[in-house]
């Protein structure tokens, strides 16, 4: 679901993953028509990093238990 949001409303993706400052910057970038594509790419990349961080955190949490 977040992937669809990152294509349609890239700035909202940052708010859902807990990065509001990046969300505001992305919104400013998205306001320009030319900035829409970089904002979308940035949001998809950030979402991928967020998912990777979650997997690492989960793996380390299981390891220490």
C-alpha atoms as a PDB file:
ATOM      1  CA  UNK A   1       0.000   0.000   0.000  1.00  0.00           C
ATOM      2  CA  UNK A   2       2.837   2.385   0.849  1.00  0.00           C
ATOM      3  CA  UNK A   3       4.348   1.753  -2.573  1.00  0.00           C
ATOM      4  CA  UNK A   4       1.173   2.983  -4.274  1.00  0.00           C
ATOM      5  CA  UNK A   5       1.163   6.038  -2.011  1.00  0.00           C
ATOM      6  CA  UNK A   6       4.801   6.722  -2.889  1.00  0.00           C
ATOM      7  CA  UNK A   7       3.860   6.924  -6.573  1.00  0.00           C
ATOM      8  CA  UNK A   8       0.748   9.045  -6.131  1.00  0.00           C
ATOM      9  CA  UNK A   9       1.657  11.234  -3.133  1.00  0.00           C
ATOM     10  CA  UNK A  10       5.413  10.886  -2.542  1.00  0.00           C
ATOM     11  CA  UNK A  11       5.471  13.361   0.356  1.00  0.00           C
ATOM     12  CA  UNK A  12       2.924  11.316   2.312  1.00  0.00           C
ATOM     13  CA  UNK A  13       5.230   8.297   2.270  1.00  0.00           C
ATOM     14  CA  UNK A  14       7.740  10.122   4.448  1.00  0.00           C
ATOM     15  CA  UNK A  15       5.096  10.897   7.036  1.00  0.00           C
ATOM     16  CA  UNK A  16       4.053   7.231   7.199  1.00  0.00           C
ATOM     17  CA  UNK A  17       7.624   6.079   7.849  1.00  0.00           C
ATOM     18  CA  UNK A  18       8.285   8.705  10.522  1.00  0.00           C
ATOM     19  CA  UNK A  19      10.324  11.283   8.590  1.00  0.00           C
ATOM     20  CA  UNK A  20       8.180  14.454   8.610  1.00  0.00           C
ATOM     21  CA  UNK A  21      10.961  16.905   7.727  1.00  0.00           C
ATOM     22  CA  UNK A  22      11.805  14.902   4.621  1.00  0.00           C
ATOM     23  CA  UNK A  23       8.072  14.841   3.875  1.00  0.00           C
ATOM     24  CA  UNK A  24       7.875  18.634   3.889  1.00  0.00           C
ATOM     25  CA  UNK A  25      10.951  18.909   1.661  1.00  0.00           C
ATOM     26  CA  UNK A  26       9.464  16.330  -0.695  1.00  0.00           C
ATOM     27  CA  UNK A  27       6.183  18.250  -0.791  1.00  0.00           C
ATOM     28  CA  UNK A  28       8.025  21.412  -1.784  1.00  0.00           C
ATOM     29  CA  UNK A  29       9.848  19.455  -4.488  1.00  0.00           C
ATOM     30  CA  UNK A  30       6.615  17.850  -5.666  1.00  0.00           C
ATOM     31  CA  UNK A  31       4.843  21.196  -6.071  1.00  0.00           C
ATOM     32  CA  UNK A  32       6.915  21.820  -9.186  1.00  0.00           C
ATOM     33  CA  UNK A  33       5.919  19.684 -12.145  1.00  0.00           C
ATOM     34  CA  UNK A  34       9.536  18.832 -12.916  1.00  0.00           C
ATOM     35  CA  UNK A  35      10.161  17.847  -9.295  1.00  0.00           C
ATOM     36  CA  UNK A  36       7.420  15.200  -9.274  1.00  0.00           C
ATOM     37  CA  UNK A  37       9.648  12.505 -10.812  1.00  0.00           C
ATOM     38  CA  UNK A  38      12.612  13.036  -8.437  1.00  0.00           C
ATOM     39  CA  UNK A  39      10.191  13.191  -5.491  1.00  0.00           C
ATOM     40  CA  UNK A  40       8.673   9.857  -6.505  1.00  0.00           C
ATOM     41  CA  UNK A  41      12.076   8.243  -6.956  1.00  0.00           C
ATOM     42  CA  UNK A  42      13.196   9.578  -3.578  1.00  0.00           C
ATOM     43  CA  UNK A  43      10.045   8.280  -1.882  1.00  0.00           C
ATOM     44  CA  UNK A  44      10.385   4.796  -3.389  1.00  0.00           C
ATOM     45  CA  UNK A  45      14.056   4.682  -2.390  1.00  0.00           C
ATOM     46  CA  UNK A  46      13.293   5.835   1.165  1.00  0.00           C
ATOM     47  CA  UNK A  47      10.538   3.245   1.452  1.00  0.00           C
ATOM     48  CA  UNK A  48      12.956   0.521   0.376  1.00  0.00           C
ATOM     49  CA  UNK A  49      15.478   1.672   2.968  1.00  0.00           C
ATOM     50  CA  UNK A  50      12.773   1.729   5.637  1.00  0.00           C
ATOM     51  CA  UNK A  51      11.777  -1.854   4.853  1.00  0.00           C
ATOM     52  CA  UNK A  52      15.428  -2.944   4.929  1.00  0.00           C
ATOM     53  CA  UNK A  53      15.929  -1.248   8.301  1.00  0.00           C
ATOM     54  CA  UNK A  54      12.838  -3.008   9.661  1.00  0.00           C
ATOM     55  CA  UNK A  55      14.151  -6.406   8.503  1.00  0.00           C
ATOM     56  CA  UNK A  56      17.564  -5.781  10.077  1.00  0.00           C
ATOM     57  CA  UNK A  57      15.978  -4.649  13.339  1.00  0.00           C
ATOM     58  CA  UNK A  58      13.776  -7.735  13.407  1.00  0.00           C
ATOM     59  CA  UNK A  59      16.721 -10.033  12.706  1.00  0.00           C
ATOM     60  CA  UNK A  60      18.847  -8.453  15.418  1.00  0.00           C
ATOM     61  CA  UNK A  61      15.965  -8.625  17.851  1.00  0.00           C
ATOM     62  CA  UNK A  62      15.528 -12.362  17.251  1.00  0.00           C
ATOM     63  CA  UNK A  63      19.269 -12.935  17.499  1.00  0.00           C
ATOM     64  CA  UNK A  64      19.634 -11.318  20.925  1.00  0.00           C
ATOM     65  CA  UNK A  65      16.677 -13.212  22.382  1.00  0.00           C
END
